[in-house]
Amino acid sequence: MIDTASDRDIPALAEMLFALNAHHATDLPGRFHTEGPQGDLQGFFADKMAEGARALVYRTEGVARAYLLWQVIDQPATALEHARKLALLDHIYVAPIWRHRGLARRLIARFEAESAALGCTSWVTRVHAFNEASAAMMQGAGASLAVQVFEKPIQDPS
């Protein structure tokens, strides 16, 4: 069952975020780490939710098995682009034993419905280049590549 997460879900969300971040730390250890205390991850969710982010949580038997964190972004018109309201899919995580059962697809469908109800006309997300599974999931949900970001570490000249 998919519900809107509340403050009481934050400890479970933080545990899942730790697992998600550990995956990133394995592939990009220069950027991501797993050394912070669990309380910092709980604080991350509390801060995000206080700032208006929304979290959807998938539960079975009262236990959180997956989540999706998102927020609405109002972009005003600029000299180059039209104004638009979009939804930012910040994180999505499904516990390993629950993968390949359609949970992510159901979370994304619910996210799309809720964001459309709030007037969003599209959604965006960032997927790290190493994360082919996440890219495939986003493409399977109907998203297509819109922008590529390139990054190069700067070598210290000394």
N, C-alpha and C. Protein backbone atom coordinates (compact mmCIF):
# COMPACT_ATOMS: atom_id res chain seq x y z
N MET A 1 0.83 -1.17 0.00
CA MET A 1 0.00 0.00 0.00
C MET A 1 0.88 1.24 0.00
N ILE A 2 0.54 2.21 -0.82
CA ILE A 2 1.28 3.46 -0.90
C ILE A 2 0.56 4.52 -0.08
N ASP A 3 1.31 5.16 0.80
CA ASP A 3 0.79 6.24 1.64
C ASP A 3 1.72 7.44 1.52
N THR A 4 1.20 8.58 1.93
CA THR A 4 2.04 9.76 2.08
C THR A 4 2.79 9.61 3.39
N ALA A 5 4.10 9.77 3.33
CA ALA A 5 4.91 9.61 4.53
C ALA A 5 4.68 10.77 5.49
N SER A 6 4.83 10.48 6.75
CA SER A 6 4.73 11.50 7.80
C SER A 6 6.02 11.48 8.62
N ASP A 7 6.09 12.35 9.59
CA ASP A 7 7.28 12.41 10.45
C ASP A 7 7.60 11.07 11.10
N ARG A 8 6.58 10.29 11.41
CA ARG A 8 6.84 9.00 12.08
C ARG A 8 7.52 7.99 11.14
N ASP A 9 7.50 8.26 9.81
CA ASP A 9 8.16 7.39 8.84
C ASP A 9 9.63 7.72 8.66
N ILE A 10 10.08 8.85 9.20
CA ILE A 10 11.44 9.32 8.94
C ILE A 10 12.51 8.30 9.32
N PRO A 11 12.45 7.62 10.45
CA PRO A 11 13.50 6.63 10.74
C PRO A 11 13.61 5.53 9.67
N ALA A 12 12.49 5.04 9.19
CA ALA A 12 12.51 4.00 8.15
C ALA A 12 13.02 4.57 6.83
N LEU A 13 12.62 5.80 6.50
CA LEU A 13 13.11 6.43 5.28
C LEU A 13 14.62 6.63 5.35
N ALA A 14 15.12 7.02 6.53
CA ALA A 14 16.55 7.23 6.70
C ALA A 14 17.33 5.92 6.52
N GLU A 15 16.79 4.82 6.98
CA GLU A 15 17.45 3.52 6.79
C GLU A 15 17.55 3.19 5.31
N MET A 16 16.47 3.45 4.56
CA MET A 16 16.49 3.17 3.13
C MET A 16 17.43 4.13 2.41
N LEU A 17 17.47 5.40 2.84
CA LEU A 17 18.39 6.36 2.23
C LEU A 17 19.84 5.94 2.47
N PHE A 18 20.13 5.38 3.64
CA PHE A 18 21.48 4.90 3.92
C PHE A 18 21.87 3.84 2.90
N ALA A 19 20.96 2.90 2.64
CA ALA A 19 21.24 1.84 1.67
C ALA A 19 21.41 2.42 0.26
N LEU A 20 20.57 3.37 -0.11
CA LEU A 20 20.69 4.00 -1.43
C LEU A 20 22.02 4.73 -1.54
N ASN A 21 22.37 5.48 -0.52
CA ASN A 21 23.62 6.24 -0.56
C ASN A 21 24.83 5.30 -0.55
N ALA A 22 24.74 4.17 0.12
CA ALA A 22 25.84 3.21 0.12
C ALA A 22 26.12 2.73 -1.30
N HIS A 23 25.06 2.54 -2.08
CA HIS A 23 25.22 2.16 -3.49
C HIS A 23 25.99 3.25 -4.23
N HIS A 24 25.62 4.50 -4.00
CA HIS A 24 26.31 5.61 -4.66
C HIS A 24 27.76 5.72 -4.17
N ALA A 25 27.99 5.51 -2.88
CA ALA A 25 29.34 5.61 -2.32
C ALA A 25 30.26 4.54 -2.91
N THR A 26 29.72 3.41 -3.24
CA THR A 26 30.53 2.36 -3.86
C THR A 26 31.01 2.79 -5.24
N ASP A 27 30.13 3.43 -5.99
CA ASP A 27 30.47 3.81 -7.35
C ASP A 27 31.14 5.18 -7.46
N LEU A 28 30.86 6.09 -6.54
CA LEU A 28 31.46 7.43 -6.56
C LEU A 28 31.99 7.79 -5.17
N PRO A 29 33.02 7.08 -4.70
CA PRO A 29 33.51 7.33 -3.34
C PRO A 29 34.11 8.72 -3.14
N GLY A 30 34.48 9.37 -4.21
CA GLY A 30 35.01 10.72 -4.08
C GLY A 30 33.94 11.75 -3.76
N ARG A 31 32.69 11.41 -4.00
CA ARG A 31 31.58 12.33 -3.72
C ARG A 31 30.73 11.86 -2.55
N PHE A 32 30.38 10.59 -2.53
CA PHE A 32 29.45 10.08 -1.52
C PHE A 32 30.19 9.29 -0.44
N HIS A 33 29.64 9.31 0.77
CA HIS A 33 30.23 8.55 1.88
C HIS A 33 29.09 8.00 2.75
N THR A 34 29.46 7.08 3.61
CA THR A 34 28.49 6.48 4.53
C THR A 34 28.94 6.64 5.98
N GLU A 35 29.74 7.65 6.25
CA GLU A 35 30.30 7.82 7.60
C GLU A 35 29.42 8.63 8.54
N GLY A 36 28.43 9.33 8.04
CA GLY A 36 27.60 10.16 8.90
C GLY A 36 26.69 9.35 9.80
N PRO A 37 26.31 9.94 10.94
CA PRO A 37 25.39 9.23 11.83
C PRO A 37 23.98 9.16 11.24
N GLN A 38 23.25 8.13 11.65
CA GLN A 38 21.88 7.92 11.17
C GLN A 38 21.00 9.14 11.45
N GLY A 39 21.26 9.82 12.55
CA GLY A 39 20.49 11.02 12.88
C GLY A 39 20.59 12.09 11.81
N ASP A 40 21.74 12.18 11.14
CA ASP A 40 21.89 13.16 10.06
C ASP A 40 20.94 12.85 8.91
N LEU A 41 20.77 11.57 8.61
CA LEU A 41 19.86 11.18 7.53
C LEU A 41 18.41 11.47 7.93
N GLN A 42 18.09 11.25 9.19
CA GLN A 42 16.75 11.60 9.66
C GLN A 42 16.54 13.10 9.58
N GLY A 43 17.56 13.85 9.94
CA GLY A 43 17.49 15.31 9.84
C GLY A 43 17.33 15.77 8.40
N PHE A 44 17.97 15.07 7.48
CA PHE A 44 17.83 15.38 6.06
C PHE A 44 16.35 15.31 5.65
N PHE A 45 15.68 14.22 6.02
CA PHE A 45 14.26 14.08 5.67
C PHE A 45 13.40 15.10 6.39
N ALA A 46 13.66 15.32 7.66
CA ALA A 46 12.87 16.30 8.41
C ALA A 46 13.00 17.68 7.77
N ASP A 47 14.22 18.06 7.39
CA ASP A 47 14.44 19.36 6.74
C ASP A 47 13.73 19.43 5.39
N LYS A 48 13.90 18.40 4.58
CA LYS A 48 13.26 18.38 3.25
C LYS A 48 11.75 18.50 3.37
N MET A 49 11.16 17.73 4.27
CA MET A 49 9.71 17.75 4.43
C MET A 49 9.24 19.10 4.99
N ALA A 50 10.02 19.70 5.87
CA ALA A 50 9.67 21.02 6.40
C ALA A 50 9.72 22.07 5.30
N GLU A 51 10.55 21.85 4.28
CA GLU A 51 10.67 22.78 3.15
C GLU A 51 9.64 22.49 2.06
N GLY A 52 8.76 21.51 2.26
CA GLY A 52 7.70 21.24 1.30
C GLY A 52 7.87 20.00 0.47
N ALA A 53 8.96 19.28 0.63
CA ALA A 53 9.12 18.02 -0.10
C ALA A 53 8.07 17.02 0.40
N ARG A 54 7.71 16.12 -0.47
CA ARG A 54 6.72 15.09 -0.14
C ARG A 54 7.39 13.72 -0.31
N ALA A 55 6.99 12.80 0.52
CA ALA A 55 7.52 11.44 0.40
C ALA A 55 6.35 10.47 0.33
N LEU A 56 6.46 9.56 -0.60
CA LEU A 56 5.52 8.45 -0.69
C LEU A 56 6.23 7.22 -0.16
N VAL A 57 5.51 6.41 0.57
CA VAL A 57 6.12 5.20 1.13
C VAL A 57 5.23 4.01 0.80
N TYR A 58 5.86 2.93 0.40
CA TYR A 58 5.16 1.67 0.12
C TYR A 58 5.38 0.76 1.31
N ARG A 59 4.27 0.31 1.91
CA ARG A 59 4.35 -0.55 3.09
C ARG A 59 3.66 -1.88 2.84
N THR A 60 4.23 -2.92 3.42
CA THR A 60 3.54 -4.20 3.54
C THR A 60 3.68 -4.62 4.99
N GLU A 61 2.63 -5.14 5.55
CA GLU A 61 2.62 -5.59 6.94
C GLU A 61 3.14 -4.50 7.88
N GLY A 62 2.85 -3.25 7.55
CA GLY A 62 3.23 -2.12 8.38
C GLY A 62 4.70 -1.71 8.29
N VAL A 63 5.46 -2.35 7.40
CA VAL A 63 6.89 -2.07 7.28
C VAL A 63 7.14 -1.36 5.95
N ALA A 64 7.92 -0.27 6.01
CA ALA A 64 8.27 0.47 4.79
C ALA A 64 9.23 -0.37 3.95
N ARG A 65 8.88 -0.55 2.67
CA ARG A 65 9.70 -1.36 1.76
C ARG A 65 10.31 -0.52 0.64
N ALA A 66 9.72 0.66 0.40
CA ALA A 66 10.17 1.52 -0.70
C ALA A 66 9.69 2.94 -0.43
N TYR A 67 10.37 3.90 -1.06
CA TYR A 67 9.92 5.28 -0.94
C TYR A 67 10.28 6.07 -2.18
N LEU A 68 9.61 7.19 -2.33
CA LEU A 68 9.90 8.16 -3.39
C LEU A 68 9.80 9.54 -2.77
N LEU A 69 10.85 10.33 -2.87
CA LEU A 69 10.89 11.69 -2.34
C LEU A 69 10.82 12.66 -3.51
N TRP A 70 9.92 13.65 -3.41
CA TRP A 70 9.75 14.59 -4.51
C TRP A 70 9.32 15.95 -4.00
N GLN A 71 9.41 16.95 -4.89
CA GLN A 71 8.93 18.29 -4.55
C GLN A 71 8.52 19.03 -5.81
N VAL A 72 7.71 20.04 -5.61
CA VAL A 72 7.25 20.90 -6.70
C VAL A 72 8.25 22.04 -6.87
N ILE A 73 8.59 22.31 -8.12
CA ILE A 73 9.49 23.41 -8.46
C ILE A 73 8.73 24.39 -9.36
N ASP A 74 8.59 25.62 -8.90
CA ASP A 74 8.00 26.68 -9.73
C ASP A 74 9.15 27.44 -10.37
N GLN A 75 9.25 27.37 -11.68
CA GLN A 75 10.30 28.10 -12.38
C GLN A 75 9.68 29.29 -13.09
N PRO A 76 10.08 30.49 -12.70
CA PRO A 76 9.54 31.67 -13.36
C PRO A 76 10.11 31.79 -14.78
N ALA A 77 9.44 32.56 -15.60
CA ALA A 77 9.92 32.82 -16.95
C ALA A 77 11.25 33.55 -16.88
N THR A 78 12.11 33.28 -17.83
CA THR A 78 13.39 33.99 -17.94
C THR A 78 13.47 34.58 -19.35
N ALA A 79 14.57 35.21 -19.64
CA ALA A 79 14.77 35.75 -20.99
C ALA A 79 14.85 34.64 -22.03
N LEU A 80 15.08 33.39 -21.58
CA LEU A 80 15.25 32.28 -22.51
C LEU A 80 14.15 31.22 -22.45
N GLU A 81 13.52 31.08 -21.29
CA GLU A 81 12.58 29.98 -21.11
C GLU A 81 11.24 30.46 -20.57
N HIS A 82 10.20 29.71 -20.93
CA HIS A 82 8.86 29.97 -20.41
C HIS A 82 8.79 29.58 -18.93
N ALA A 83 7.88 30.16 -18.22
CA ALA A 83 7.61 29.74 -16.85
C ALA A 83 7.05 28.32 -16.89
N ARG A 84 7.34 27.56 -15.87
CA ARG A 84 6.75 26.22 -15.80
C ARG A 84 6.76 25.72 -14.37
N LYS A 85 5.87 24.81 -14.12
CA LYS A 85 5.76 24.16 -12.82
C LYS A 85 6.07 22.68 -13.06
N LEU A 86 7.09 22.20 -12.40
CA LEU A 86 7.45 20.81 -12.61
C LEU A 86 7.68 20.12 -11.28
N ALA A 87 7.71 18.82 -11.34
CA ALA A 87 7.95 18.01 -10.14
C ALA A 87 9.36 17.43 -10.24
N LEU A 88 10.08 17.53 -9.15
CA LEU A 88 11.43 16.97 -9.08
C LEU A 88 11.36 15.65 -8.31
N LEU A 89 11.65 14.56 -8.98
CA LEU A 89 11.76 13.26 -8.32
C LEU A 89 13.19 13.22 -7.77
N ASP A 90 13.30 13.38 -6.46
CA ASP A 90 14.61 13.51 -5.81
C ASP A 90 15.25 12.15 -5.57
N HIS A 91 14.53 11.22 -4.95
CA HIS A 91 15.04 9.88 -4.66
C HIS A 91 13.93 8.86 -4.88
N ILE A 92 14.33 7.69 -5.27
CA ILE A 92 13.42 6.54 -5.24
C ILE A 92 14.27 5.34 -4.82
N TYR A 93 13.72 4.54 -3.94
CA TYR A 93 14.45 3.37 -3.43
C TYR A 93 13.45 2.26 -3.15
N VAL A 94 13.83 1.06 -3.55
CA VAL A 94 13.06 -0.15 -3.24
C VAL A 94 14.03 -1.13 -2.60
N ALA A 95 13.65 -1.68 -1.46
CA ALA A 95 14.50 -2.66 -0.78
C ALA A 95 14.79 -3.82 -1.73
N PRO A 96 16.02 -4.33 -1.74
CA PRO A 96 16.42 -5.34 -2.72
C PRO A 96 15.47 -6.53 -2.84
N ILE A 97 14.99 -7.06 -1.74
CA ILE A 97 14.12 -8.24 -1.83
C ILE A 97 12.76 -7.92 -2.45
N TRP A 98 12.40 -6.63 -2.50
CA TRP A 98 11.11 -6.21 -3.05
C TRP A 98 11.21 -5.69 -4.48
N ARG A 99 12.38 -5.73 -5.07
CA ARG A 99 12.56 -5.24 -6.44
C ARG A 99 11.95 -6.21 -7.45
N HIS A 100 11.68 -5.69 -8.62
CA HIS A 100 11.12 -6.46 -9.75
C HIS A 100 9.71 -6.96 -9.45
N ARG A 101 8.98 -6.19 -8.65
CA ARG A 101 7.58 -6.50 -8.34
C ARG A 101 6.66 -5.34 -8.71
N GLY A 102 7.22 -4.34 -9.37
CA GLY A 102 6.41 -3.20 -9.80
C GLY A 102 6.23 -2.10 -8.77
N LEU A 103 6.94 -2.16 -7.65
CA LEU A 103 6.77 -1.12 -6.62
C LEU A 103 7.22 0.25 -7.12
N ALA A 104 8.37 0.31 -7.77
CA ALA A 104 8.85 1.60 -8.29
C ALA A 104 7.87 2.15 -9.30
N ARG A 105 7.38 1.32 -10.18
CA ARG A 105 6.41 1.76 -11.19
C ARG A 105 5.15 2.31 -10.52
N ARG A 106 4.69 1.66 -9.47
CA ARG A 106 3.50 2.15 -8.75
C ARG A 106 3.78 3.45 -8.00
N LEU A 107 4.97 3.57 -7.41
CA LEU A 107 5.33 4.82 -6.74
C LEU A 107 5.39 5.96 -7.75
N ILE A 108 5.99 5.71 -8.91
CA ILE A 108 6.09 6.76 -9.93
C ILE A 108 4.70 7.14 -10.44
N ALA A 109 3.82 6.17 -10.64
CA ALA A 109 2.46 6.49 -11.09
C ALA A 109 1.73 7.36 -10.07
N ARG A 110 1.88 7.05 -8.81
CA ARG A 110 1.24 7.86 -7.75
C ARG A 110 1.85 9.26 -7.71
N PHE A 111 3.16 9.34 -7.82
CA PHE A 111 3.88 10.61 -7.88
C PHE A 111 3.38 11.45 -9.06
N GLU A 112 3.23 10.83 -10.22
CA GLU A 112 2.72 11.56 -11.38
C GLU A 112 1.31 12.08 -11.15
N ALA A 113 0.47 11.27 -10.56
CA ALA A 113 -0.92 11.69 -10.30
C ALA A 113 -0.95 12.85 -9.32
N GLU A 114 -0.18 12.75 -8.25
CA GLU A 114 -0.17 13.83 -7.25
C GLU A 114 0.44 15.11 -7.81
N SER A 115 1.50 14.99 -8.58
CA SER A 115 2.12 16.19 -9.14
C SER A 115 1.22 16.84 -10.19
N ALA A 116 0.53 16.04 -10.98
CA ALA A 116 -0.41 16.60 -11.96
C ALA A 116 -1.55 17.33 -11.24
N ALA A 117 -2.03 16.76 -10.15
CA ALA A 117 -3.11 17.39 -9.38
C ALA A 117 -2.67 18.75 -8.81
N LEU A 118 -1.37 18.93 -8.63
CA LEU A 118 -0.85 20.19 -8.12
C LEU A 118 -0.47 21.16 -9.25
N GLY A 119 -0.77 20.78 -10.49
CA GLY A 119 -0.52 21.66 -11.63
C GLY A 119 0.81 21.50 -12.32
N CYS A 120 1.57 20.49 -11.96
CA CYS A 120 2.85 20.25 -12.63
C CYS A 120 2.59 19.71 -14.03
N THR A 121 3.39 20.17 -14.98
CA THR A 121 3.22 19.74 -16.36
C THR A 121 4.25 18.71 -16.80
N SER A 122 5.29 18.50 -15.99
CA SER A 122 6.30 17.48 -16.28
C SER A 122 7.08 17.19 -15.01
N TRP A 123 7.90 16.15 -15.08
CA TRP A 123 8.78 15.86 -13.95
C TRP A 123 10.19 15.63 -14.45
N VAL A 124 11.15 15.87 -13.56
CA VAL A 124 12.56 15.67 -13.86
C VAL A 124 13.20 14.89 -12.72
N THR A 125 14.32 14.27 -13.04
CA THR A 125 15.11 13.58 -12.03
C THR A 125 16.55 13.55 -12.50
N ARG A 126 17.46 13.34 -11.58
CA ARG A 126 18.88 13.17 -11.93
C ARG A 126 19.23 11.70 -11.73
N VAL A 127 19.94 11.15 -12.69
CA VAL A 127 20.41 9.76 -12.59
C VAL A 127 21.91 9.78 -12.86
N HIS A 128 22.68 9.24 -11.95
CA HIS A 128 24.13 9.19 -12.14
C HIS A 128 24.47 8.25 -13.29
N ALA A 129 25.49 8.60 -14.04
CA ALA A 129 25.87 7.86 -15.24
C ALA A 129 26.13 6.38 -14.96
N PHE A 130 26.65 6.04 -13.78
CA PHE A 130 26.94 4.64 -13.46
C PHE A 130 25.68 3.82 -13.19
N ASN A 131 24.57 4.49 -12.92
CA ASN A 131 23.37 3.79 -12.45
C ASN A 131 22.45 3.42 -13.62
N GLU A 132 22.85 2.41 -14.36
CA GLU A 132 22.10 1.97 -15.52
C GLU A 132 20.71 1.45 -15.15
N ALA A 133 20.60 0.82 -14.00
CA ALA A 133 19.29 0.30 -13.57
C ALA A 133 18.30 1.43 -13.34
N SER A 134 18.77 2.51 -12.72
CA SER A 134 17.89 3.66 -12.48
C SER A 134 17.51 4.33 -13.80
N ALA A 135 18.47 4.45 -14.71
CA ALA A 135 18.17 5.05 -16.01
C ALA A 135 17.12 4.22 -16.74
N ALA A 136 17.26 2.91 -16.69
CA ALA A 136 16.28 2.03 -17.34
C ALA A 136 14.90 2.17 -16.70
N MET A 137 14.87 2.31 -15.36
CA MET A 137 13.59 2.48 -14.67
C MET A 137 12.92 3.78 -15.11
N MET A 138 13.68 4.86 -15.21
CA MET A 138 13.11 6.15 -15.62
C MET A 138 12.61 6.09 -17.07
N GLN A 139 13.38 5.46 -17.93
CA GLN A 139 12.94 5.31 -19.32
C GLN A 139 11.70 4.42 -19.40
N GLY A 140 11.65 3.39 -18.57
CA GLY A 140 10.48 2.53 -18.52
C GLY A 140 9.24 3.27 -18.04
N ALA A 141 9.45 4.33 -17.25
CA ALA A 141 8.33 5.15 -16.77
C ALA A 141 7.94 6.22 -17.79
N GLY A 142 8.65 6.25 -18.93
CA GLY A 142 8.30 7.19 -19.98
C GLY A 142 9.16 8.45 -20.03
N ALA A 143 10.15 8.55 -19.14
CA ALA A 143 11.04 9.72 -19.16
C ALA A 143 12.09 9.54 -20.24
N SER A 144 12.54 10.64 -20.79
CA SER A 144 13.60 10.58 -21.79
C SER A 144 14.70 11.55 -21.41
N LEU A 145 15.88 11.30 -21.91
CA LEU A 145 17.04 12.13 -21.61
C LEU A 145 16.78 13.55 -22.10
N ALA A 146 16.96 14.53 -21.21
CA ALA A 146 16.70 15.92 -21.56
C ALA A 146 17.98 16.76 -21.52
N VAL A 147 18.85 16.52 -20.58
CA VAL A 147 20.08 17.29 -20.41
C VAL A 147 21.17 16.33 -19.94
N GLN A 148 22.36 16.50 -20.45
CA GLN A 148 23.50 15.75 -19.93
C GLN A 148 24.40 16.73 -19.20
N VAL A 149 24.89 16.31 -18.06
CA VAL A 149 25.80 17.14 -17.27
C VAL A 149 27.15 16.43 -17.26
N PHE A 150 28.19 17.15 -17.59
CA PHE A 150 29.53 16.60 -17.59
C PHE A 150 30.30 17.17 -16.41
N GLU A 151 31.12 16.34 -15.81
CA GLU A 151 31.90 16.76 -14.65
C GLU A 151 33.33 16.25 -14.80
N LYS A 152 34.27 17.10 -14.45
CA LYS A 152 35.68 16.71 -14.46
C LYS A 152 36.32 17.21 -13.19
N PRO A 153 36.95 16.32 -12.43
CA PRO A 153 37.69 16.77 -11.25
C PRO A 153 38.84 17.68 -11.69
N ILE A 154 39.08 18.71 -10.93
CA ILE A 154 40.19 19.64 -11.22
C ILE A 154 41.39 19.17 -10.42
N GLN A 155 42.47 18.96 -11.12
CA GLN A 155 43.71 18.51 -10.47
C GLN A 155 44.39 19.69 -9.79
N ASP A 156 44.86 19.49 -8.59
CA ASP A 156 45.61 20.52 -7.87
C ASP A 156 46.96 20.70 -8.58
N PRO A 157 47.24 21.92 -9.07
CA PRO A 157 48.47 22.13 -9.83
C PRO A 157 49.75 22.04 -9.00
N SER A 158 49.64 22.04 -7.69
CA SER A 158 50.87 22.02 -6.87
C SER A 158 51.46 20.65 -6.72
